Amino acid sequence: MSSLDDFFEKVITVKWGPEKKSVDIIDQTLLPGTIKRIQIATAEEIYEAIKKLRVRGAPAIGVCAAYGMAVLSNSYEASDYAGFLMSFERDKDYLASSRPTAVNLFWALKRMEDAVKANSDKPIAEIKEILYEEADRIREEDVAISRSIGEIGFGLMKELKKDEKPLGILTHCNAGTLATAKYGTATAPMYMALERGWAPEDMHVYCDETRPLLQGARLTSFELFHSGIPTTVQCDNMASLLMKSGKVDIIFVGCDRVAANGDAANKIGTSGLSILAHHYGIPMYICAPSSTIDMNTPTGEEIPIEMRDKDEVTEMWYKERMAPEGVDVFNPAFDVSDHSLFTGIITEKGLCHAPYKEAFEVLGIHS
């Protein structure tokens, strides 16, 4: 097993707990200092893990929700289909309320629901087994999706690398293996580069710190550093100077939801990054599994933006409070980048350019 394979094995985001009676996740709130796996088995524990970002990243949330529904359904004592479905719908709706922006959460829960309804004529014990199988398929598909996105992104990297100088890559937040089942979306091109024979020193990745939850500093730099890729962390407000210096050749970011017109919701700060990239003429790509493309949402204006607790800004990372007690705090979890500001959207089905609605439809992505 290669060192990269060792790394992936060490940081599996979501897997089955003992005897498949729980979901086993890395508690990402403790990274990078502590790598701790926890088992979650009740609806409240699964909800809390998603809400509190113990598991995070749109694809990983979807996988966790699917695994969670299989575990929860296995505990239902209903002897008839109607009772089983009622319990299932109750837990599905509860988990769906944990995060409002990440469409993968709703997509995965609907897939599990569809599996229940498509097998209503089967014994309850068989439906439970089908849910475990469906959850595994969702995870396996996510790995394949990340690989496909990575292959397309790596192709773009190869086009830009003309000499021995390391290719400068900028990313924001964490859209890495910790945000998916494996490889990530925005980091998948870098991991594909390693698998395709690039040396780590053939690239240099700059990670936006990503205030206020520091996913870039805590998670992306943790991933890339341990995979051997040269990595530099910068505060978010340093991105403009870095781009102006000529050190950034390409930008890859993930996203939690894409509207039909191509507007993309990602971790707060991505919109500003897209404005800077457009200003400096640096190619910027949104890495989006097709499941995050919401053709029923016409534009980014209709994407709900989750608002987070005030203490994430004023207290969470400090020994002492860093703003006056009682001061108001604006803390949105996401912003929306206008589709006109980035170069393209990489999906597992292909690379899309504007006009995006038509490009999505060509790839078979419909409402």
Protein backbone atom coordinates (compact mmCIF):
# COMPACT_ATOMS: atom_id res chain seq x y z
CA MET A 1 0.00 0.00 0.00
CA SER A 2 1.40 3.42 -1.00
CA SER A 3 1.84 6.26 1.45
CA LEU A 4 -1.08 8.03 -0.25
CA ASP A 5 -3.25 4.94 0.23
CA ASP A 6 -2.13 4.80 3.87
CA PHE A 7 -3.22 8.41 4.27
CA PHE A 8 -6.65 7.80 2.73
CA GLU A 9 -7.17 4.78 4.97
CA LYS A 10 -6.31 6.86 8.03
CA VAL A 11 -8.80 9.64 7.29
CA ILE A 12 -11.87 7.76 6.04
CA THR A 13 -14.63 10.23 6.82
CA VAL A 14 -17.59 7.86 7.12
CA LYS A 15 -17.73 4.09 7.58
CA TRP A 16 -19.81 1.50 9.39
CA GLY A 17 -19.40 1.09 13.11
CA PRO A 18 -19.16 -2.35 14.76
CA GLU A 19 -21.74 -4.79 13.36
CA LYS A 20 -23.20 -1.90 11.34
CA LYS A 21 -25.12 -0.72 14.38
CA SER A 22 -23.64 2.78 14.22
CA VAL A 23 -21.94 5.22 11.87
CA ASP A 24 -18.21 5.71 12.46
CA ILE A 25 -16.90 9.20 11.62
CA ILE A 26 -13.83 11.31 12.24
CA ASP A 27 -14.75 14.15 14.60
CA GLN A 28 -13.51 16.99 12.39
CA THR A 29 -14.02 19.58 15.12
CA LEU A 30 -10.92 18.15 16.84
CA LEU A 31 -8.61 18.30 13.81
CA PRO A 32 -5.76 18.88 13.24
CA GLY A 33 -4.56 18.29 16.79
CA THR A 34 -6.51 15.13 17.49
CA ILE A 35 -7.61 12.36 15.13
CA LYS A 36 -10.54 10.79 16.93
CA ARG A 37 -13.23 8.50 15.57
CA ILE A 38 -16.67 8.50 17.15
CA GLN A 39 -19.69 6.26 16.73
CA ILE A 40 -23.11 7.84 16.26
CA ALA A 41 -26.23 5.69 16.38
CA THR A 42 -29.28 7.71 17.44
CA ALA A 43 -31.14 10.30 15.38
CA GLU A 44 -30.04 12.97 17.86
CA GLU A 45 -26.38 11.97 17.60
CA ILE A 46 -26.45 11.94 13.80
CA TYR A 47 -28.25 15.31 13.70
CA GLU A 48 -25.77 16.82 16.15
CA ALA A 49 -22.76 15.50 14.22
CA ILE A 50 -24.00 17.13 11.01
CA LYS A 51 -25.17 20.36 12.66
CA LYS A 52 -21.97 20.84 14.69
CA LEU A 53 -19.72 20.00 11.71
CA ARG A 54 -18.25 16.85 13.22
CA VAL A 55 -18.93 15.56 9.74
CA ARG A 56 -18.95 18.23 7.05
CA GLY A 57 -18.62 18.82 3.32
CA ALA A 58 -21.66 18.31 1.11
CA PRO A 59 -20.77 14.81 -0.19
CA ALA A 60 -19.66 13.50 3.22
CA ILE A 61 -22.84 14.84 4.81
CA GLY A 62 -24.85 12.96 2.21
CA VAL A 63 -22.97 9.71 2.84
CA CYS A 64 -23.33 10.14 6.60
CA ALA A 65 -27.07 10.78 6.28
CA ALA A 66 -27.50 7.67 4.12
CA TYR A 67 -25.54 5.51 6.54
CA GLY A 68 -27.45 7.08 9.42
CA MET A 69 -30.84 6.26 7.92
CA ALA A 70 -29.79 2.64 7.41
CA VAL A 71 -28.70 2.39 11.04
CA LEU A 72 -31.84 4.10 12.35
CA SER A 73 -34.14 2.00 10.18
CA ASN A 74 -32.55 -1.18 11.44
CA SER A 75 -33.78 -0.30 14.95
CA TYR A 76 -37.43 0.20 13.98
CA GLU A 77 -39.72 -2.34 15.61
CA ALA A 78 -42.67 -1.81 13.26
CA SER A 79 -44.01 -5.10 11.90
CA ASP A 80 -45.89 -3.60 8.94
CA TYR A 81 -44.79 -1.33 6.08
CA ALA A 82 -46.99 1.62 7.09
CA GLY A 83 -45.45 1.77 10.56
CA PHE A 84 -41.95 1.37 9.16
CA LEU A 85 -42.48 4.18 6.64
CA MET A 86 -43.87 6.50 9.32
CA SER A 87 -40.76 6.01 11.48
CA PHE A 88 -38.50 6.42 8.46
CA GLU A 89 -40.15 9.68 7.34
CA ARG A 90 -39.94 11.07 10.88
CA ASP A 91 -36.16 10.52 11.07
CA LYS A 92 -35.57 11.59 7.47
CA ASP A 93 -37.31 14.94 8.04
CA TYR A 94 -35.43 15.43 11.30
CA LEU A 95 -32.01 14.86 9.71
CA ALA A 96 -32.96 17.07 6.75
CA SER A 97 -33.39 20.00 9.15
CA SER A 98 -29.77 19.84 10.37
CA ARG A 99 -28.24 21.92 7.52
CA PRO A 100 -30.31 24.03 5.08
CA THR A 101 -27.81 24.78 2.30
CA ALA A 102 -26.08 21.51 1.35
CA VAL A 103 -28.33 19.92 -1.27
CA ASN A 104 -26.46 16.60 -1.02
CA LEU A 105 -28.08 16.04 2.36
CA PHE A 106 -31.56 16.17 0.87
CA TRP A 107 -30.47 14.24 -2.22
CA ALA A 108 -29.09 11.34 -0.18
CA LEU A 109 -32.11 11.24 2.12
CA LYS A 110 -34.44 11.16 -0.89
CA ARG A 111 -32.48 8.30 -2.41
CA MET A 112 -32.90 6.32 0.76
CA GLU A 113 -36.60 7.22 0.83
CA ASP A 114 -36.99 6.14 -2.79
CA ALA A 115 -35.39 2.79 -1.93
CA VAL A 116 -37.98 2.28 0.82
CA LYS A 117 -40.92 3.18 -1.39
CA ALA A 118 -39.71 1.13 -4.36
CA ASN A 119 -39.65 -1.98 -2.17
CA SER A 120 -42.91 -1.56 -0.27
CA ASP A 121 -44.00 -5.07 -1.25
CA LYS A 122 -41.01 -6.71 0.43
CA PRO A 123 -40.66 -7.90 4.04
CA ILE A 124 -39.42 -5.27 6.50
CA ALA A 125 -36.21 -7.25 7.16
CA GLU A 126 -35.41 -7.17 3.46
CA ILE A 127 -36.09 -3.44 3.19
CA LYS A 128 -33.62 -2.84 6.02
CA GLU A 129 -30.95 -4.79 4.14
CA ILE A 130 -31.72 -2.88 0.96
CA LEU A 131 -31.12 0.40 2.82
CA TYR A 132 -27.65 -0.77 3.89
CA GLU A 133 -26.89 -1.69 0.29
CA GLU A 134 -28.16 1.66 -0.98
CA ALA A 135 -26.02 3.54 1.54
CA ASP A 136 -22.95 1.64 0.36
CA ARG A 137 -23.80 2.47 -3.25
CA ILE A 138 -24.03 6.17 -2.38
CA ARG A 139 -20.57 6.02 -0.83
CA GLU A 140 -19.04 4.05 -3.72
CA GLU A 141 -20.56 6.43 -6.24
CA ASP A 142 -19.13 9.38 -4.33
CA VAL A 143 -15.62 7.93 -4.58
CA ALA A 144 -16.08 7.43 -8.34
CA ILE A 145 -17.46 10.97 -8.71
CA SER A 146 -14.45 12.48 -6.94
CA ARG A 147 -12.07 10.50 -9.17
CA SER A 148 -13.82 11.75 -12.29
CA ILE A 149 -13.72 15.36 -11.11
CA GLY A 150 -10.07 14.86 -10.24
CA GLU A 151 -9.21 13.51 -13.69
CA ILE A 152 -10.80 16.52 -15.40
CA GLY A 153 -9.11 18.95 -13.02
CA PHE A 154 -5.74 17.24 -13.47
CA GLY A 155 -6.13 17.67 -17.23
CA LEU A 156 -6.48 21.42 -16.68
CA MET A 157 -3.39 21.39 -14.46
CA LYS A 158 -1.34 19.62 -17.13
CA GLU A 159 -2.32 22.26 -19.70
CA LEU A 160 -1.00 25.03 -17.45
CA LYS A 161 2.26 23.42 -16.34
CA LYS A 162 4.81 24.47 -18.95
CA ASP A 163 8.13 24.30 -17.05
CA GLU A 164 9.83 23.00 -13.92
CA LYS A 165 8.26 25.67 -11.76
CA PRO A 166 5.69 24.24 -9.31
CA LEU A 167 2.12 24.84 -10.40
CA GLY A 168 0.51 27.30 -8.00
CA ILE A 169 -2.95 26.20 -6.85
CA LEU A 170 -5.27 28.13 -4.55
CA THR A 171 -8.23 26.64 -2.70
CA HIS A 172 -10.72 27.79 -0.11
CA CYS A 173 -12.32 25.97 2.82
CA ASN A 174 -12.06 22.16 2.70
CA ALA A 175 -13.32 20.28 -0.31
CA GLY A 176 -10.87 17.45 0.27
CA THR A 177 -11.10 13.82 1.23
CA LEU A 178 -12.41 14.93 4.63
CA ALA A 179 -15.41 16.46 2.85
CA THR A 180 -16.18 13.38 0.75
CA ALA A 181 -15.89 9.60 0.85
CA LYS A 182 -12.42 9.82 -0.76
CA TYR A 183 -10.25 12.22 -2.82
CA GLY A 184 -12.43 15.27 -2.32
CA THR A 185 -13.66 17.52 -5.10
CA ALA A 186 -11.40 20.60 -5.16
CA THR A 187 -8.40 18.56 -3.95
CA ALA A 188 -9.09 15.57 -6.20
CA PRO A 189 -7.02 17.03 -9.09
CA MET A 190 -4.00 17.22 -6.76
CA TYR A 191 -4.42 13.64 -5.57
CA MET A 192 -4.91 12.48 -9.17
CA ALA A 193 -1.66 14.26 -10.04
CA LEU A 194 0.17 12.17 -7.44
CA GLU A 195 -1.48 8.97 -8.68
CA ARG A 196 -0.55 9.86 -12.28
CA GLY A 197 3.12 10.29 -11.51
CA TRP A 198 3.61 13.92 -10.56
CA ALA A 199 6.05 14.49 -7.73
CA PRO A 200 4.64 16.44 -4.78
CA GLU A 201 7.03 19.30 -5.57
CA ASP A 202 5.48 19.69 -9.03
CA MET A 203 2.74 21.72 -7.33
CA HIS A 204 2.32 24.12 -4.44
CA VAL A 205 -1.09 24.60 -2.85
CA TYR A 206 -2.15 27.76 -1.05
CA CYS A 207 -4.97 27.20 1.45
CA ASP A 208 -7.18 30.09 2.46
CA GLU A 209 -7.51 29.93 6.23
CA THR A 210 -11.32 30.25 5.81
CA ARG A 211 -12.69 32.29 8.67
CA PRO A 212 -14.40 31.83 11.02
CA LEU A 213 -14.27 28.00 11.30
CA LEU A 214 -10.80 27.70 9.75
CA GLN A 215 -11.52 24.65 7.60
CA GLY A 216 -8.72 25.60 5.22
CA ALA A 217 -6.15 25.94 7.98
CA ARG A 218 -7.35 23.05 10.15
CA LEU A 219 -8.43 20.57 7.50
CA THR A 220 -7.12 21.23 3.98
CA SER A 221 -3.59 22.03 5.09
CA PHE A 222 -3.73 18.98 7.39
CA GLU A 223 -4.70 16.77 4.45
CA LEU A 224 -2.22 18.13 1.96
CA PHE A 225 0.66 18.31 4.42
CA HIS A 226 0.19 14.67 5.41
CA SER A 227 -0.11 13.59 1.77
CA GLY A 228 3.25 15.21 1.05
CA ILE A 229 2.07 18.11 -1.12
CA PRO A 230 3.88 21.43 -0.40
CA THR A 231 1.31 23.65 1.27
CA THR A 232 1.06 27.22 2.50
CA VAL A 233 -1.72 28.63 4.69
CA GLN A 234 -2.78 32.25 4.28
CA CYS A 235 -5.43 34.41 5.90
CA ASP A 236 -8.40 34.98 3.60
CA ASN A 237 -7.68 38.68 3.16
CA MET A 238 -4.20 37.90 1.79
CA ALA A 239 -5.50 36.21 -1.37
CA SER A 240 -5.44 39.37 -3.47
CA LEU A 241 -1.76 40.07 -2.82
CA LEU A 242 -0.90 36.42 -3.47
CA MET A 243 -2.70 36.49 -6.83
CA LYS A 244 -1.07 39.79 -7.78
CA SER A 245 2.36 38.29 -7.05
CA GLY A 246 1.86 35.73 -9.83
CA LYS A 247 2.08 32.70 -7.55
CA VAL A 248 -1.40 31.38 -8.37
CA ASP A 249 -1.93 29.61 -11.71
CA ILE A 250 -5.33 28.03 -11.06
CA ILE A 251 -8.05 27.98 -8.39
CA PHE A 252 -10.16 24.99 -7.42
CA VAL A 253 -13.00 25.30 -4.91
CA GLY A 254 -15.88 23.03 -3.93
CA CYS A 255 -19.49 23.98 -3.47
CA ASP A 256 -22.61 22.99 -1.57
CA ARG A 257 -25.22 23.93 -4.14
CA VAL A 258 -25.24 25.10 -7.75
CA ALA A 259 -28.26 26.91 -9.19
CA ALA A 260 -29.53 26.18 -12.69
CA ASN A 261 -27.81 29.29 -14.07
CA GLY A 262 -24.44 28.25 -12.59
CA ASP A 263 -24.39 30.49 -9.51
CA ALA A 264 -22.57 28.49 -6.84
CA ALA A 265 -22.96 28.54 -3.05
CA ASN A 266 -19.80 27.66 -1.18
CA LYS A 267 -18.18 28.44 2.15
CA ILE A 268 -18.23 32.12 3.04
CA GLY A 269 -15.42 34.00 1.29
CA THR A 270 -15.65 32.15 -2.01
CA SER A 271 -17.59 34.98 -3.65
CA GLY A 272 -14.80 37.44 -2.83
CA LEU A 273 -12.27 34.97 -4.18
CA SER A 274 -14.18 34.70 -7.47
CA ILE A 275 -14.20 38.50 -7.82
CA LEU A 276 -10.43 38.59 -7.29
CA ALA A 277 -9.82 35.73 -9.71
CA HIS A 278 -11.86 37.51 -12.37
CA HIS A 279 -9.95 40.74 -11.76
CA TYR A 280 -6.52 39.10 -12.06
CA GLY A 281 -7.49 36.80 -14.94
CA ILE A 282 -6.77 33.58 -13.04
CA PRO A 283 -8.80 30.52 -14.09
CA MET A 284 -11.16 29.45 -11.30
CA TYR A 285 -13.19 26.25 -11.34
CA ILE A 286 -16.09 25.14 -9.17
CA CYS A 287 -15.79 21.40 -8.46
CA ALA A 288 -19.35 20.15 -8.16
CA PRO A 289 -20.76 16.63 -8.11
CA SER A 290 -23.88 16.64 -10.29
CA SER A 291 -25.93 15.88 -7.17
CA THR A 292 -25.16 19.42 -5.93
CA ILE A 293 -26.67 20.98 -9.07
CA ASP A 294 -30.20 22.06 -8.23
CA MET A 295 -32.05 22.64 -11.48
CA ASN A 296 -35.15 23.59 -9.48
CA THR A 297 -33.33 26.65 -8.13
CA PRO A 298 -33.14 29.17 -10.99
CA THR A 299 -30.41 31.45 -9.61
CA GLY A 300 -28.24 31.91 -6.55
CA GLU A 301 -30.75 34.41 -5.19
CA GLU A 302 -33.01 31.50 -4.24
CA ILE A 303 -30.35 29.49 -2.37
CA PRO A 304 -30.98 29.64 1.41
CA ILE A 305 -27.94 30.78 3.38
CA GLU A 306 -27.36 29.18 6.76
CA MET A 307 -26.61 31.61 9.60
CA ARG A 308 -24.29 30.31 12.32
CA ASP A 309 -23.85 31.09 16.01
CA LYS A 310 -22.20 34.37 17.01
CA ASP A 311 -19.60 32.72 19.24
CA GLU A 312 -17.91 31.11 16.22
CA VAL A 313 -16.62 34.60 15.42
CA THR A 314 -16.12 36.09 18.86
CA GLU A 315 -15.07 33.22 21.14
CA MET A 316 -14.55 29.79 19.60
CA TRP A 317 -10.83 30.01 18.82
CA TYR A 318 -9.74 32.45 21.53
CA LYS A 319 -8.72 32.15 25.15
CA GLU A 320 -10.45 35.45 25.75
CA ARG A 321 -13.42 36.98 23.96
CA MET A 322 -12.26 39.01 20.94
CA ALA A 323 -15.21 41.41 20.61
CA PRO A 324 -17.24 43.39 23.13
CA GLU A 325 -19.89 41.43 25.01
CA GLY A 326 -23.27 42.02 23.40
CA VAL A 327 -21.97 43.30 20.06
CA ASP A 328 -23.93 42.08 17.07
CA VAL A 329 -22.29 39.49 14.79
CA PHE A 330 -22.98 38.70 11.14
CA ASN A 331 -22.01 35.06 10.56
CA PRO A 332 -23.32 33.49 7.33
CA ALA A 333 -21.90 30.05 6.59
CA PHE A 334 -21.98 30.50 2.81
CA ASP A 335 -22.01 33.06 0.04
CA VAL A 336 -22.95 32.74 -3.62
CA SER A 337 -20.47 33.30 -6.44
CA ASP A 338 -21.97 34.73 -9.60
CA HIS A 339 -21.56 32.36 -12.54
CA SER A 340 -20.01 35.11 -14.66
CA LEU A 341 -16.95 35.30 -12.40
CA PHE A 342 -15.46 31.82 -12.73
CA THR A 343 -14.11 29.88 -15.67
CA GLY A 344 -16.12 26.69 -15.47
CA ILE A 345 -17.82 24.05 -13.37
CA ILE A 346 -16.26 20.60 -13.19
CA THR A 347 -18.75 17.78 -12.67
CA GLU A 348 -18.11 14.06 -12.83
CA LYS A 349 -20.03 14.09 -16.12
CA GLY A 350 -17.81 16.70 -17.76
CA LEU A 351 -16.53 20.27 -17.72
CA CYS A 352 -19.25 22.90 -18.12
CA HIS A 353 -18.98 26.45 -19.40
CA ALA A 354 -21.59 29.21 -19.65
CA PRO A 355 -24.45 29.20 -20.44
CA TYR A 356 -24.60 26.69 -17.61
CA LYS A 357 -28.25 25.65 -17.74
CA GLU A 358 -27.82 24.47 -21.30
CA ALA A 359 -24.46 22.85 -20.46
CA PHE A 360 -26.02 20.93 -17.54
CA GLU A 361 -28.86 19.71 -19.74
CA VAL A 362 -26.41 18.46 -22.39
CA LEU A 363 -24.81 16.33 -19.66
CA GLY A 364 -28.22 14.93 -18.74
CA ILE A 365 -28.71 16.98 -15.58
CA HIS A 366 -32.37 17.94 -15.35
CA SER A 367 -34.83 19.01 -12.67
